[in-house]
Amino acid sequence: MGDYSKALEFYEKSLKIREKALPSNHPDLARSYNNIGGVYNNMGDYSKALEFYEKSHKILEKALPSNHPNLATSYTCIASVYDDMGDYSKALEFYEKAHQIYEKALPPNHPSLATSYNNIGLVYSHMGDYSKALEFYEKAHKIYEKALPPNHPSIATSYNNIGL
């Protein structure tokens, strides 16, 4: 709804309860930090978004195995902030970290792996390296074609990305 102050109010209430009730390395605490980071990212307050996303990520690093998909999701959140800021080299660095985890943790035709390829392609597109972007969009498309029904919206988005 775009009511970011209200969202923050409720996420901060959740965080306060979780901070009291849970150990400092509990994944639910990381989820609270991540949710708050998402609100700040949507508000365009990128330094605050990174602060909360990094807090979340530090907890997940302690609580989860190094190849856990939630760590990849965390890297993706951090990457998206850098992408929004126009710091494409940092965005690529974090999207690639996420991708490495997905490659280890997921089967080769998993849709999340395709989404990861799309994210990397998007950054290359933002950088103006369209041939590199196309390479990653095509990798994503091949996975989507194998993993999803032919009328799935992600396949439409994939065609759109290739067309761009």
N, C-alpha and C. Protein backbone atom coordinates (compact mmCIF):
# COMPACT_ATOMS: atom_id res chain seq x y z
N MET A 1 0.82 -1.21 0.00
CA MET A 1 0.00 0.00 0.00
C MET A 1 0.86 1.26 0.00
N GLY A 2 2.15 1.09 0.25
CA GLY A 2 3.05 2.24 0.25
C GLY A 2 3.07 3.01 1.56
N ASP A 3 2.42 2.49 2.59
CA ASP A 3 2.42 3.17 3.90
C ASP A 3 3.62 2.66 4.69
N TYR A 4 4.79 3.19 4.34
CA TYR A 4 6.05 2.68 4.88
C TYR A 4 6.19 2.94 6.38
N SER A 5 5.71 4.08 6.85
CA SER A 5 5.85 4.36 8.29
C SER A 5 5.02 3.36 9.10
N LYS A 6 3.86 3.00 8.60
CA LYS A 6 3.02 2.01 9.28
C LYS A 6 3.68 0.64 9.24
N ALA A 7 4.24 0.28 8.08
CA ALA A 7 4.93 -1.00 7.96
C ALA A 7 6.10 -1.06 8.95
N LEU A 8 6.88 0.02 9.01
CA LEU A 8 8.01 0.05 9.96
C LEU A 8 7.53 -0.08 11.39
N GLU A 9 6.44 0.59 11.71
CA GLU A 9 5.90 0.53 13.07
C GLU A 9 5.62 -0.92 13.48
N PHE A 10 4.98 -1.67 12.60
CA PHE A 10 4.64 -3.06 12.93
C PHE A 10 5.85 -3.98 12.87
N TYR A 11 6.73 -3.78 11.90
CA TYR A 11 7.94 -4.59 11.85
C TYR A 11 8.82 -4.35 13.07
N GLU A 12 8.87 -3.10 13.55
CA GLU A 12 9.68 -2.80 14.74
C GLU A 12 9.05 -3.41 16.00
N LYS A 13 7.72 -3.45 16.08
CA LYS A 13 7.06 -4.13 17.19
C LYS A 13 7.43 -5.61 17.19
N SER A 14 7.38 -6.21 16.02
CA SER A 14 7.75 -7.62 15.87
C SER A 14 9.20 -7.83 16.30
N LEU A 15 10.07 -6.94 15.85
CA LEU A 15 11.49 -7.05 16.17
C LEU A 15 11.72 -6.98 17.68
N LYS A 16 11.07 -6.05 18.35
CA LYS A 16 11.26 -5.91 19.80
C LYS A 16 10.86 -7.19 20.55
N ILE A 17 9.76 -7.78 20.15
CA ILE A 17 9.33 -9.03 20.78
C ILE A 17 10.35 -10.13 20.50
N ARG A 18 10.76 -10.25 19.25
CA ARG A 18 11.72 -11.30 18.88
C ARG A 18 13.06 -11.10 19.58
N GLU A 19 13.50 -9.86 19.74
CA GLU A 19 14.77 -9.61 20.42
C GLU A 19 14.72 -10.08 21.88
N LYS A 20 13.55 -9.95 22.51
CA LYS A 20 13.39 -10.39 23.89
C LYS A 20 13.22 -11.90 24.00
N ALA A 21 12.51 -12.49 23.05
CA ALA A 21 12.11 -13.89 23.17
C ALA A 21 13.07 -14.89 22.55
N LEU A 22 13.93 -14.44 21.62
CA LEU A 22 14.76 -15.36 20.86
C LEU A 22 16.25 -15.13 21.09
N PRO A 23 17.05 -16.17 20.89
CA PRO A 23 18.50 -15.95 20.95
C PRO A 23 18.95 -15.04 19.80
N SER A 24 20.07 -14.38 19.99
CA SER A 24 20.53 -13.36 19.05
C SER A 24 20.86 -13.90 17.65
N ASN A 25 20.99 -15.23 17.53
CA ASN A 25 21.31 -15.79 16.22
C ASN A 25 20.12 -16.56 15.62
N HIS A 26 18.91 -16.28 16.06
CA HIS A 26 17.74 -17.00 15.57
C HIS A 26 17.31 -16.46 14.20
N PRO A 27 17.01 -17.36 13.25
CA PRO A 27 16.60 -16.91 11.91
C PRO A 27 15.37 -16.00 11.87
N ASP A 28 14.46 -16.13 12.84
CA ASP A 28 13.30 -15.24 12.86
C ASP A 28 13.71 -13.79 13.14
N LEU A 29 14.77 -13.62 13.91
CA LEU A 29 15.31 -12.29 14.16
C LEU A 29 15.88 -11.72 12.86
N ALA A 30 16.56 -12.58 12.12
CA ALA A 30 17.08 -12.18 10.80
C ALA A 30 15.93 -11.76 9.89
N ARG A 31 14.82 -12.48 9.94
CA ARG A 31 13.66 -12.16 9.11
C ARG A 31 13.13 -10.77 9.45
N SER A 32 13.11 -10.43 10.74
CA SER A 32 12.66 -9.09 11.13
C SER A 32 13.58 -8.01 10.56
N TYR A 33 14.88 -8.21 10.70
CA TYR A 33 15.83 -7.25 10.14
C TYR A 33 15.65 -7.14 8.62
N ASN A 34 15.45 -8.27 7.98
CA ASN A 34 15.28 -8.28 6.53
C ASN A 34 14.01 -7.52 6.12
N ASN A 35 12.93 -7.72 6.85
CA ASN A 35 11.68 -7.02 6.54
C ASN A 35 11.84 -5.51 6.67
N ILE A 36 12.53 -5.09 7.72
CA ILE A 36 12.76 -3.66 7.92
C ILE A 36 13.66 -3.12 6.80
N GLY A 37 14.67 -3.89 6.44
CA GLY A 37 15.53 -3.50 5.33
C GLY A 37 14.75 -3.32 4.04
N GLY A 38 13.78 -4.20 3.81
CA GLY A 38 12.96 -4.10 2.61
C GLY A 38 12.14 -2.82 2.57
N VAL A 39 11.63 -2.42 3.72
CA VAL A 39 10.86 -1.17 3.77
C VAL A 39 11.78 0.01 3.44
N TYR A 40 12.95 0.04 4.06
CA TYR A 40 13.88 1.14 3.79
C TYR A 40 14.30 1.14 2.32
N ASN A 41 14.48 -0.03 1.73
CA ASN A 41 14.83 -0.09 0.31
C ASN A 41 13.70 0.49 -0.54
N ASN A 42 12.46 0.12 -0.21
CA ASN A 42 11.32 0.67 -0.95
C ASN A 42 11.18 2.18 -0.78
N MET A 43 11.64 2.69 0.36
CA MET A 43 11.60 4.13 0.62
C MET A 43 12.75 4.87 -0.07
N GLY A 44 13.72 4.11 -0.57
CA GLY A 44 14.89 4.74 -1.20
C GLY A 44 15.96 5.13 -0.21
N ASP A 45 15.84 4.68 1.04
CA ASP A 45 16.87 4.94 2.06
C ASP A 45 17.84 3.76 2.03
N TYR A 46 18.75 3.80 1.07
CA TYR A 46 19.59 2.65 0.79
C TYR A 46 20.60 2.34 1.90
N SER A 47 21.11 3.36 2.57
CA SER A 47 22.07 3.07 3.65
C SER A 47 21.39 2.34 4.80
N LYS A 48 20.16 2.73 5.12
CA LYS A 48 19.40 2.03 6.17
C LYS A 48 19.04 0.62 5.70
N ALA A 49 18.67 0.48 4.44
CA ALA A 49 18.32 -0.84 3.90
C ALA A 49 19.53 -1.77 4.02
N LEU A 50 20.70 -1.29 3.61
CA LEU A 50 21.90 -2.12 3.72
C LEU A 50 22.22 -2.47 5.16
N GLU A 51 22.06 -1.52 6.05
CA GLU A 51 22.32 -1.77 7.48
C GLU A 51 21.48 -2.94 7.99
N PHE A 52 20.19 -2.94 7.68
CA PHE A 52 19.32 -4.00 8.17
C PHE A 52 19.51 -5.31 7.41
N TYR A 53 19.73 -5.23 6.11
CA TYR A 53 19.99 -6.45 5.35
C TYR A 53 21.29 -7.11 5.82
N GLU A 54 22.29 -6.31 6.15
CA GLU A 54 23.56 -6.88 6.62
C GLU A 54 23.42 -7.49 8.01
N LYS A 55 22.63 -6.86 8.88
CA LYS A 55 22.35 -7.46 10.20
C LYS A 55 21.69 -8.82 10.02
N SER A 56 20.72 -8.87 9.14
CA SER A 56 20.02 -10.11 8.85
C SER A 56 21.01 -11.15 8.33
N HIS A 57 21.84 -10.74 7.40
CA HIS A 57 22.77 -11.69 6.78
C HIS A 57 23.76 -12.26 7.80
N LYS A 58 24.25 -11.44 8.70
CA LYS A 58 25.20 -11.92 9.72
C LYS A 58 24.58 -13.00 10.59
N ILE A 59 23.32 -12.84 10.92
CA ILE A 59 22.63 -13.87 11.71
C ILE A 59 22.51 -15.15 10.90
N LEU A 60 22.10 -15.01 9.66
CA LEU A 60 21.92 -16.20 8.81
C LEU A 60 23.24 -16.94 8.60
N GLU A 61 24.34 -16.20 8.48
CA GLU A 61 25.65 -16.84 8.31
C GLU A 61 26.00 -17.73 9.51
N LYS A 62 25.59 -17.28 10.70
CA LYS A 62 25.86 -18.06 11.91
C LYS A 62 24.88 -19.22 12.08
N ALA A 63 23.64 -19.00 11.66
CA ALA A 63 22.58 -19.96 11.95
C ALA A 63 22.40 -21.05 10.90
N LEU A 64 22.88 -20.81 9.69
CA LEU A 64 22.60 -21.73 8.58
C LEU A 64 23.88 -22.28 7.97
N PRO A 65 23.79 -23.44 7.31
CA PRO A 65 24.95 -23.94 6.56
C PRO A 65 25.30 -22.98 5.41
N SER A 66 26.54 -23.00 5.00
CA SER A 66 27.04 -22.02 4.02
C SER A 66 26.38 -22.13 2.65
N ASN A 67 25.73 -23.24 2.35
CA ASN A 67 25.07 -23.38 1.04
C ASN A 67 23.54 -23.34 1.15
N HIS A 68 23.03 -22.77 2.22
CA HIS A 68 21.58 -22.71 2.42
C HIS A 68 20.97 -21.65 1.50
N PRO A 69 19.87 -21.98 0.81
CA PRO A 69 19.24 -21.02 -0.11
C PRO A 69 18.83 -19.69 0.54
N ASN A 70 18.53 -19.70 1.84
CA ASN A 70 18.17 -18.43 2.49
C ASN A 70 19.35 -17.45 2.52
N LEU A 71 20.57 -17.98 2.56
CA LEU A 71 21.74 -17.10 2.46
C LEU A 71 21.80 -16.47 1.08
N ALA A 72 21.48 -17.24 0.06
CA ALA A 72 21.45 -16.70 -1.30
C ALA A 72 20.39 -15.61 -1.42
N THR A 73 19.24 -15.84 -0.83
CA THR A 73 18.18 -14.83 -0.84
C THR A 73 18.65 -13.55 -0.15
N SER A 74 19.38 -13.71 0.93
CA SER A 74 19.93 -12.57 1.65
C SER A 74 20.91 -11.79 0.77
N TYR A 75 21.80 -12.50 0.09
CA TYR A 75 22.72 -11.84 -0.83
C TYR A 75 21.95 -11.10 -1.93
N THR A 76 20.86 -11.69 -2.38
CA THR A 76 20.05 -11.07 -3.42
C THR A 76 19.44 -9.75 -2.94
N CYS A 77 18.99 -9.73 -1.70
CA CYS A 77 18.44 -8.48 -1.14
C CYS A 77 19.51 -7.39 -1.12
N ILE A 78 20.69 -7.74 -0.67
CA ILE A 78 21.80 -6.78 -0.62
C ILE A 78 22.13 -6.31 -2.04
N ALA A 79 22.20 -7.25 -2.96
CA ALA A 79 22.51 -6.91 -4.36
C ALA A 79 21.49 -5.94 -4.93
N SER A 80 20.22 -6.17 -4.61
CA SER A 80 19.17 -5.32 -5.18
C SER A 80 19.31 -3.87 -4.72
N VAL A 81 19.79 -3.67 -3.49
CA VAL A 81 20.02 -2.30 -3.01
C VAL A 81 21.13 -1.65 -3.83
N TYR A 82 22.24 -2.38 -4.00
CA TYR A 82 23.33 -1.83 -4.80
C TYR A 82 22.88 -1.56 -6.23
N ASP A 83 22.05 -2.42 -6.78
CA ASP A 83 21.53 -2.21 -8.12
C ASP A 83 20.69 -0.93 -8.16
N ASP A 84 19.82 -0.76 -7.18
CA ASP A 84 18.99 0.45 -7.10
C ASP A 84 19.84 1.71 -6.95
N MET A 85 20.98 1.58 -6.28
CA MET A 85 21.88 2.72 -6.08
C MET A 85 22.71 3.01 -7.33
N GLY A 86 22.71 2.09 -8.28
CA GLY A 86 23.53 2.26 -9.48
C GLY A 86 24.96 1.78 -9.29
N ASP A 87 25.23 1.08 -8.18
CA ASP A 87 26.56 0.51 -7.95
C ASP A 87 26.55 -0.92 -8.51
N TYR A 88 26.70 -1.00 -9.82
CA TYR A 88 26.49 -2.26 -10.51
C TYR A 88 27.57 -3.29 -10.23
N SER A 89 28.79 -2.85 -9.98
CA SER A 89 29.84 -3.84 -9.68
C SER A 89 29.55 -4.53 -8.34
N LYS A 90 29.07 -3.77 -7.37
CA LYS A 90 28.71 -4.38 -6.08
C LYS A 90 27.47 -5.25 -6.23
N ALA A 91 26.51 -4.81 -7.02
CA ALA A 91 25.31 -5.61 -7.26
C ALA A 91 25.70 -6.95 -7.88
N LEU A 92 26.57 -6.91 -8.88
CA LEU A 92 27.02 -8.16 -9.52
C LEU A 92 27.73 -9.06 -8.52
N GLU A 93 28.57 -8.48 -7.70
CA GLU A 93 29.31 -9.26 -6.70
C GLU A 93 28.35 -10.06 -5.82
N PHE A 94 27.29 -9.41 -5.34
CA PHE A 94 26.36 -10.09 -4.44
C PHE A 94 25.41 -11.02 -5.18
N TYR A 95 24.98 -10.64 -6.39
CA TYR A 95 24.15 -11.55 -7.17
C TYR A 95 24.93 -12.82 -7.52
N GLU A 96 26.22 -12.67 -7.80
CA GLU A 96 27.04 -13.85 -8.11
C GLU A 96 27.25 -14.73 -6.89
N LYS A 97 27.40 -14.13 -5.71
CA LYS A 97 27.49 -14.93 -4.48
C LYS A 97 26.21 -15.74 -4.29
N ALA A 98 25.09 -15.09 -4.51
CA ALA A 98 23.80 -15.79 -4.39
C ALA A 98 23.74 -16.93 -5.40
N HIS A 99 24.15 -16.64 -6.61
CA HIS A 99 24.09 -17.65 -7.67
C HIS A 99 24.95 -18.87 -7.35
N GLN A 100 26.12 -18.63 -6.79
CA GLN A 100 27.00 -19.75 -6.43
C GLN A 100 26.34 -20.67 -5.41
N ILE A 101 25.63 -20.09 -4.47
CA ILE A 101 24.91 -20.90 -3.48
C ILE A 101 23.78 -21.68 -4.16
N TYR A 102 23.01 -21.00 -5.00
CA TYR A 102 21.92 -21.68 -5.69
C TYR A 102 22.43 -22.85 -6.53
N GLU A 103 23.58 -22.66 -7.19
CA GLU A 103 24.13 -23.74 -8.00
C GLU A 103 24.48 -24.97 -7.17
N LYS A 104 24.94 -24.75 -5.94
CA LYS A 104 25.30 -25.86 -5.05
C LYS A 104 24.08 -26.48 -4.39
N ALA A 105 23.10 -25.65 -4.06
CA ALA A 105 21.99 -26.10 -3.22
C ALA A 105 20.77 -26.59 -3.98
N LEU A 106 20.63 -26.20 -5.23
CA LEU A 106 19.40 -26.49 -5.96
C LEU A 106 19.67 -27.39 -7.16
N PRO A 107 18.64 -28.10 -7.60
CA PRO A 107 18.79 -28.88 -8.84
C PRO A 107 18.99 -27.93 -10.04
N PRO A 108 19.60 -28.42 -11.12
CA PRO A 108 19.98 -27.54 -12.23
C PRO A 108 18.82 -26.86 -12.95
N ASN A 109 17.62 -27.38 -12.82
CA ASN A 109 16.47 -26.75 -13.49
C ASN A 109 15.50 -26.08 -12.51
N HIS A 110 16.01 -25.66 -11.37
CA HIS A 110 15.16 -25.02 -10.38
C HIS A 110 14.86 -23.57 -10.80
N PRO A 111 13.61 -23.14 -10.70
CA PRO A 111 13.27 -21.76 -11.10
C PRO A 111 14.06 -20.67 -10.37
N SER A 112 14.47 -20.92 -9.13
CA SER A 112 15.25 -19.90 -8.42
C SER A 112 16.61 -19.69 -9.07
N LEU A 113 17.15 -20.72 -9.66
CA LEU A 113 18.41 -20.60 -10.40
C LEU A 113 18.18 -19.72 -11.63
N ALA A 114 17.06 -19.89 -12.30
CA ALA A 114 16.72 -19.05 -13.44
C ALA A 114 16.55 -17.59 -13.02
N THR A 115 15.89 -17.38 -11.90
CA THR A 115 15.71 -16.02 -11.39
C THR A 115 17.07 -15.38 -11.10
N SER A 116 17.97 -16.18 -10.59
CA SER A 116 19.32 -15.70 -10.32
C SER A 116 20.02 -15.26 -11.62
N TYR A 117 19.89 -16.08 -12.67
CA TYR A 117 20.44 -15.68 -13.97
C TYR A 117 19.79 -14.38 -14.46
N ASN A 118 18.49 -14.26 -14.26
CA ASN A 118 17.81 -13.02 -14.66
C ASN A 118 18.35 -11.81 -13.93
N ASN A 119 18.58 -11.96 -12.62
CA ASN A 119 19.10 -10.85 -11.83
C ASN A 119 20.45 -10.38 -12.36
N ILE A 120 21.31 -11.34 -12.66
CA ILE A 120 22.63 -11.00 -13.20
C ILE A 120 22.48 -10.34 -14.58
N GLY A 121 21.59 -10.88 -15.39
CA GLY A 121 21.33 -10.28 -16.70
C GLY A 121 20.84 -8.85 -16.59
N LEU A 122 19.99 -8.60 -15.62
CA LEU A 122 19.45 -7.26 -15.41
C LEU A 122 20.56 -6.26 -15.11
N VAL A 123 21.51 -6.66 -14.27
CA VAL A 123 22.61 -5.76 -13.95
C VAL A 123 23.44 -5.46 -15.20
N TYR A 124 23.74 -6.51 -15.97
CA TYR A 124 24.49 -6.27 -17.21
C TYR A 124 23.70 -5.35 -18.14
N SER A 125 22.40 -5.49 -18.17
CA SER A 125 21.57 -4.61 -18.98
C SER A 125 21.68 -3.16 -18.49
N HIS A 126 21.62 -2.97 -17.17
CA HIS A 126 21.76 -1.63 -16.60
C HIS A 126 23.12 -1.02 -16.93
N MET A 127 24.13 -1.90 -17.05
CA MET A 127 25.49 -1.44 -17.36
C MET A 127 25.67 -1.17 -18.86
N GLY A 128 24.68 -1.55 -19.66
CA GLY A 128 24.77 -1.35 -21.09
C GLY A 128 25.50 -2.48 -21.82
N ASP A 129 25.81 -3.56 -21.11
CA ASP A 129 26.47 -4.72 -21.73
C ASP A 129 25.38 -5.70 -22.15
N TYR A 130 24.75 -5.39 -23.27
CA TYR A 130 23.56 -6.12 -23.68
C TYR A 130 23.84 -7.55 -24.14
N SER A 131 25.01 -7.78 -24.71
CA SER A 131 25.31 -9.16 -25.14
C SER A 131 25.49 -10.06 -23.92
N LYS A 132 26.10 -9.52 -22.86
CA LYS A 132 26.26 -10.30 -21.62
C LYS A 132 24.88 -10.50 -20.96
N ALA A 133 24.07 -9.46 -20.97
CA ALA A 133 22.72 -9.57 -20.42
C ALA A 133 21.93 -10.66 -21.15
N LEU A 134 22.02 -10.65 -22.47
CA LEU A 134 21.31 -11.63 -23.28
C LEU A 134 21.75 -13.05 -22.94
N GLU A 135 23.04 -13.23 -22.73
CA GLU A 135 23.58 -14.55 -22.36
C GLU A 135 22.90 -15.08 -21.10
N PHE A 136 22.76 -14.23 -20.10
CA PHE A 136 22.15 -14.65 -18.83
C PHE A 136 20.64 -14.80 -18.96
N TYR A 137 20.00 -13.91 -19.73
CA TYR A 137 18.56 -14.05 -19.95
C TYR A 137 18.24 -15.36 -20.67
N GLU A 138 19.07 -15.75 -21.61
CA GLU A 138 18.84 -17.01 -22.33
C GLU A 138 19.05 -18.23 -21.43
N LYS A 139 20.03 -18.16 -20.53
CA LYS A 139 20.23 -19.25 -19.57
C LYS A 139 18.98 -19.39 -18.69
N ALA A 140 18.47 -18.27 -18.24
CA ALA A 140 17.25 -18.29 -17.41
C ALA A 140 16.09 -18.89 -18.19
N HIS A 141 15.95 -18.47 -19.43
CA HIS A 141 14.83 -18.93 -20.25
C HIS A 141 14.86 -20.45 -20.44
N LYS A 142 16.04 -21.01 -20.66
CA LYS A 142 16.15 -22.46 -20.85
C LYS A 142 15.66 -23.21 -19.61
N ILE A 143 16.00 -22.69 -18.45
CA ILE A 143 15.55 -23.34 -17.21
C ILE A 143 14.04 -23.20 -17.06
N TYR A 144 13.53 -21.99 -17.29
CA TYR A 144 12.08 -21.79 -17.17
C TYR A 144 11.32 -22.71 -18.11
N GLU A 145 11.80 -22.89 -19.33
CA GLU A 145 11.12 -23.76 -20.29
C GLU A 145 11.05 -25.20 -19.80
N LYS A 146 12.09 -25.66 -19.10
CA LYS A 146 12.11 -27.03 -18.59
C LYS A 146 11.30 -27.17 -17.30
N ALA A 147 11.31 -26.12 -16.48
CA ALA A 147 10.77 -26.24 -15.13
C ALA A 147 9.32 -25.79 -14.99
N LEU A 148 8.83 -24.99 -15.92
CA LEU A 148 7.52 -24.38 -15.75
C LEU A 148 6.57 -24.74 -16.89
N PRO A 149 5.26 -24.64 -16.65
CA PRO A 149 4.31 -24.85 -17.74
C PRO A 149 4.45 -23.73 -18.78
N PRO A 150 4.11 -24.01 -20.03
CA PRO A 150 4.36 -23.04 -21.11
C PRO A 150 3.63 -21.71 -20.97
N ASN A 151 2.57 -21.66 -20.19
CA ASN A 151 1.83 -20.41 -20.03
C ASN A 151 2.17 -19.68 -18.72
N HIS A 152 3.26 -20.06 -18.08
CA HIS A 152 3.64 -19.44 -16.81
C HIS A 152 4.13 -18.00 -17.04
N PRO A 153 3.73 -17.07 -16.17
CA PRO A 153 4.15 -15.66 -16.33
C PRO A 153 5.67 -15.45 -16.36
N SER A 154 6.42 -16.30 -15.68
CA SER A 154 7.88 -16.14 -15.70
C SER A 154 8.46 -16.39 -17.09
N ILE A 155 7.81 -17.25 -17.85
CA ILE A 155 8.27 -17.49 -19.22
C ILE A 155 7.98 -16.25 -20.07
N ALA A 156 6.85 -15.63 -19.86
CA ALA A 156 6.53 -14.38 -20.57
C ALA A 156 7.55 -13.30 -20.22
N THR A 157 7.87 -13.18 -18.94
CA THR A 157 8.87 -12.20 -18.52
C THR A 157 10.22 -12.51 -19.15
N SER A 158 10.54 -13.77 -19.23
CA SER A 158 11.79 -14.19 -19.83
C SER A 158 11.86 -13.80 -21.31
N TYR A 159 10.79 -14.03 -22.05
CA TYR A 159 10.74 -13.57 -23.45
C TYR A 159 10.90 -12.06 -23.53
N ASN A 160 10.26 -11.36 -22.62
CA ASN A 160 10.35 -9.90 -22.58
C ASN A 160 11.80 -9.45 -22.36
N ASN A 161 12.47 -10.09 -21.40
CA ASN A 161 13.87 -9.73 -21.11
C ASN A 161 14.75 -9.94 -22.33
N ILE A 162 14.57 -11.05 -23.01
CA ILE A 162 15.36 -11.35 -24.21
C ILE A 162 15.05 -10.30 -25.29
N GLY A 163 13.80 -9.96 -25.43
CA GLY A 163 13.42 -8.93 -26.40
C GLY A 163 14.04 -7.58 -26.11
N LEU A 164 14.12 -7.25 -24.84
CA LEU A 164 14.74 -5.96 -24.46
C LEU A 164 16.19 -5.92 -24.89
